[in-house]
Amino acid sequence: MVITTNWRTYTETDAALHRKAEALVARTEERCWVAELHRLRAVFLTALGADETLIEALFYEAIGIAKQQKSISLEKRAQATYLLPRTVAHIAAEQ
């Protein structure tokens, strides 16, 4: 299955890799990329048209974890990714 969005094309391979990454985090307890995994899951679910509440919760979780880890780059990345489609939709609605 291929899902095309404005951001990029997602495939079953992307979803499988994401599941493997989450399993690796669970097994090794290495947490430095957990915020990014939450952000990527939110992006993937957005592409699938999933429930907005779940997507928003994942973005907030990504931002919260990044703040807790004091990772400014991951925090800003999650914030920007969360805001991008909402900003585009707002601009389109005004036109």
Protein backbone atom coordinates (compact mmCIF):
# COMPACT_ATOMS: atom_id res chain seq x y z
CA MET A 1 0.00 0.00 0.00
CA VAL A 2 1.26 3.50 -0.81
CA ILE A 3 -0.05 6.65 0.85
CA THR A 4 0.77 9.97 -0.77
CA THR A 5 0.65 13.22 1.14
CA ASN A 6 2.03 16.68 0.61
CA TRP A 7 4.99 15.71 2.79
CA ARG A 8 6.10 12.44 1.18
CA THR A 9 4.98 8.99 0.16
CA TYR A 10 4.52 6.38 2.90
CA THR A 11 4.63 2.68 2.23
CA GLU A 12 4.13 -0.53 4.15
CA THR A 13 7.92 -0.61 4.49
CA ASP A 14 7.85 2.70 6.38
CA ALA A 15 5.24 1.35 8.77
CA ALA A 16 7.21 -1.88 9.28
CA LEU A 17 10.42 0.05 9.97
CA HIS A 18 8.60 2.22 12.48
CA ARG A 19 7.28 -0.86 14.30
CA LYS A 20 10.81 -2.30 14.40
CA ALA A 21 12.17 0.97 15.81
CA GLU A 22 9.53 0.98 18.55
CA ALA A 23 10.36 -2.65 19.39
CA LEU A 24 14.06 -1.77 19.56
CA VAL A 25 13.33 1.08 21.98
CA ALA A 26 11.28 -1.28 24.15
CA ARG A 27 14.00 -3.92 24.12
CA THR A 28 17.04 -1.69 24.68
CA GLU A 29 15.35 1.05 26.74
CA GLU A 30 17.29 3.59 24.66
CA ARG A 31 15.12 6.71 24.72
CA CYS A 32 17.04 9.41 22.83
CA TRP A 33 14.83 9.10 19.71
CA VAL A 34 11.46 8.41 21.35
CA ALA A 35 10.23 11.95 20.67
CA GLU A 36 11.05 11.50 16.99
CA LEU A 37 9.24 8.15 16.89
CA HIS A 38 6.10 9.80 18.30
CA ARG A 39 6.40 12.59 15.72
CA LEU A 40 6.80 10.13 12.86
CA ARG A 41 3.85 8.04 14.05
CA ALA A 42 1.72 11.19 14.12
CA VAL A 43 2.82 12.07 10.58
CA PHE A 44 2.03 8.56 9.37
CA LEU A 45 -1.41 8.58 11.02
CA THR A 46 -2.09 12.00 9.53
CA ALA A 47 -1.39 10.54 6.09
CA LEU A 48 -3.83 7.73 6.85
CA GLY A 49 -6.53 10.21 7.92
CA ALA A 50 -6.62 8.89 11.49
CA ASP A 51 -8.44 10.50 14.40
CA GLU A 52 -7.19 14.06 14.96
CA THR A 53 -7.28 13.61 18.75
CA LEU A 54 -4.81 10.71 18.57
CA ILE A 55 -2.57 12.60 16.16
CA GLU A 56 -2.58 15.68 18.38
CA ALA A 57 -1.79 13.58 21.46
CA LEU A 58 1.21 12.04 19.69
CA PHE A 59 2.54 15.46 18.70
CA TYR A 60 2.10 16.76 22.26
CA GLU A 61 3.85 13.66 23.57
CA ALA A 62 6.73 14.18 21.13
CA ILE A 63 7.05 17.82 22.16
CA GLY A 64 6.86 16.96 25.87
CA ILE A 65 9.50 14.23 25.63
CA ALA A 66 11.82 16.49 23.64
CA LYS A 67 11.44 19.24 26.26
CA GLN A 68 12.11 16.74 29.05
CA GLN A 69 15.25 15.57 27.24
CA LYS A 70 16.24 19.20 26.60
CA SER A 71 16.42 18.48 22.88
CA ILE A 72 15.60 21.82 21.30
CA SER A 73 15.96 20.50 17.75
CA LEU A 74 13.51 17.61 18.27
CA GLU A 75 11.10 19.92 20.11
CA LYS A 76 11.14 22.49 17.29
CA ARG A 77 10.83 19.77 14.67
CA ALA A 78 7.75 18.29 16.34
CA GLN A 79 6.20 21.74 16.77
CA ALA A 80 6.83 22.68 13.15
CA THR A 81 5.48 19.39 11.83
CA TYR A 82 2.37 19.74 13.98
CA LEU A 83 1.71 23.31 12.86
CA LEU A 84 2.44 22.93 9.13
CA PRO A 85 -0.82 21.31 7.91
CA ARG A 86 -2.88 23.51 10.22
CA THR A 87 -1.19 26.64 8.87
CA VAL A 88 -1.72 25.53 5.27
CA ALA A 89 -5.39 24.74 5.97
CA HIS A 90 -5.87 28.13 7.65
CA ILE A 91 -4.33 29.99 4.69
CA ALA A 92 -6.45 28.00 2.22
CA ALA A 93 -9.61 28.76 4.21
CA GLU A 94 -8.90 32.49 4.06
CA GLN A 95 -8.64 32.52 0.27
